[in-house]
Protein backbone atom coordinates (compact mmCIF):
# COMPACT_ATOMS: atom_id res chain seq x y z
CA HIS A 1 122.32 -8.60 63.20
CA ASN A 2 120.05 -10.25 60.74
CA SER A 3 121.47 -13.03 58.60
CA ASN A 4 121.50 -10.85 55.48
CA SER A 5 123.77 -8.27 57.08
CA ILE A 6 126.03 -11.04 58.38
CA MET A 7 126.26 -12.51 54.88
CA SER A 8 126.80 -9.09 53.36
CA ASN A 9 129.54 -8.25 55.86
CA PHE A 10 131.13 -11.66 55.30
CA PHE A 11 131.27 -11.23 51.54
CA ASN A 12 132.39 -7.62 51.66
CA GLU A 13 135.22 -8.74 53.92
CA GLN A 14 135.99 -11.74 51.70
CA HIS A 15 136.10 -9.64 48.54
CA ARG A 16 138.52 -7.19 50.10
CA THR A 17 140.92 -9.98 51.05
CA ASP A 18 140.64 -12.53 48.25
CA GLY A 19 139.83 -10.50 45.15
CA GLY A 20 137.60 -13.35 44.00
CA ASN A 21 140.42 -15.88 44.33
CA LEU A 22 138.73 -19.28 44.27
CA GLN A 23 141.64 -20.97 46.07
CA LEU A 24 141.32 -18.60 49.02
CA MET A 25 137.56 -19.01 49.01
CA GLU A 26 137.98 -22.77 49.04
CA ALA A 27 140.43 -22.51 51.95
CA ARG A 28 137.83 -20.48 53.88
CA LEU A 29 135.20 -23.09 53.04
CA LEU A 30 137.41 -25.89 54.38
CA GLU A 31 137.93 -23.87 57.59
CA LEU A 32 134.16 -23.64 57.98
CA TYR A 33 133.78 -27.41 57.47
CA SER A 34 136.46 -28.10 60.07
CA SER A 35 134.87 -25.71 62.55
CA LEU A 36 131.41 -27.22 62.04
CA ARG A 37 132.71 -30.75 62.63
CA ALA A 38 134.52 -29.60 65.80
CA LEU A 39 131.34 -27.95 67.07
CA VAL A 40 129.42 -31.20 66.54
CA ARG A 41 132.03 -33.10 68.59
CA SER A 42 131.91 -30.41 71.28
CA ASN A 43 128.12 -30.61 71.53
CA GLU A 44 128.24 -34.41 71.72
CA ALA A 45 130.66 -34.16 74.67
CA LEU A 46 128.56 -31.44 76.33
CA GLU A 47 125.35 -33.44 75.89
CA GLU A 48 127.03 -36.51 77.38
CA ALA A 49 128.25 -34.48 80.36
CA LEU A 50 124.79 -32.98 80.78
CA ALA A 51 123.21 -36.45 80.73
CA GLU A 52 125.62 -37.61 83.45
CA SER A 53 124.96 -34.54 85.58
CA SER A 54 122.54 -34.95 88.46
CA GLU A 55 120.83 -31.66 87.64
CA ASP A 56 120.30 -29.42 84.65
CA ASP A 57 123.61 -27.62 84.40
CA LEU A 58 122.85 -24.24 82.87
CA ASP A 59 126.49 -23.81 81.76
CA PHE A 60 126.26 -26.97 79.62
CA ILE A 61 122.88 -25.93 78.23
CA GLN A 62 124.14 -22.44 77.39
CA ALA A 63 127.31 -23.81 75.74
CA ILE A 64 125.27 -26.22 73.62
CA ASP A 65 122.92 -23.41 72.58
CA GLU A 66 125.84 -21.11 71.70
CA ASN A 67 127.42 -23.89 69.62
CA LEU A 68 124.14 -24.45 67.76
CA THR A 69 123.87 -20.73 67.00
CA LEU A 70 127.43 -20.69 65.65
CA MET A 71 126.82 -23.89 63.66
CA LYS A 72 123.77 -22.35 62.00
CA LYS A 73 125.74 -19.21 61.13
CA GLU A 74 128.75 -21.15 59.80
CA ARG A 75 126.67 -23.55 57.72
CA ASN A 76 124.80 -20.61 56.18
CA LEU A 77 128.12 -18.92 55.42
CA ALA A 78 129.40 -22.12 53.80
CA ILE A 79 126.28 -22.34 51.62
CA GLU A 80 126.64 -18.70 50.54
CA LEU A 81 130.35 -19.18 49.86
CA ILE A 82 129.63 -22.21 47.69
CA ARG A 83 127.07 -20.18 45.72
CA GLU A 84 129.58 -17.37 45.27
CA MET A 85 132.27 -19.82 44.13
CA GLN A 86 129.86 -21.44 41.65
CA GLN A 87 129.01 -18.01 40.26
CA ARG A 88 132.74 -17.45 39.76
CA GLY A 89 133.06 -20.67 37.80
CA ALA A 90 134.00 -23.27 40.42
CA LYS A 91 132.96 -26.77 39.39
CA ASN A 92 132.15 -29.88 41.43
CA ILE A 93 131.76 -27.98 44.68
CA ASP A 94 128.92 -28.75 47.05
CA LEU A 95 128.18 -29.03 50.75
CA PRO A 96 129.50 -32.37 52.12
CA GLN A 97 126.77 -34.82 53.12
CA ASP A 98 127.75 -34.86 56.81
CA ILE A 99 127.35 -31.08 56.98
CA CYS A 100 124.01 -31.24 55.12
CA ASP A 101 122.84 -33.84 57.64
CA MET A 102 123.79 -31.87 60.76
CA ASN A 103 120.79 -31.44 63.01
CA ILE A 104 120.82 -27.69 63.64
CA PRO A 105 117.51 -26.52 65.12
CA HIS A 106 116.13 -23.24 63.80
CA ARG A 107 115.78 -21.02 66.83
């Protein structure tokens, strides 16, 4: 999948279920924020475990990489959802600073 098709699928799915309901869109946005913060905590724990490991543990490395991929996808979805909500008239909605500041490498 390229990111455009993911976004397109996401919004087609959203529109079928929320009918443009800003409250439901906001609930989805809050779920994304919660998931992103949990993934950051997970990666911190994985990186700590990897640092304590006597060798490069490929399972830890793979899990960290998978989390980063998901974080990139979820943050992009959150940004697109915010744009969609703003187009529908939502005010005072923006990406929280901690999510803007997340170090998500572009791979």
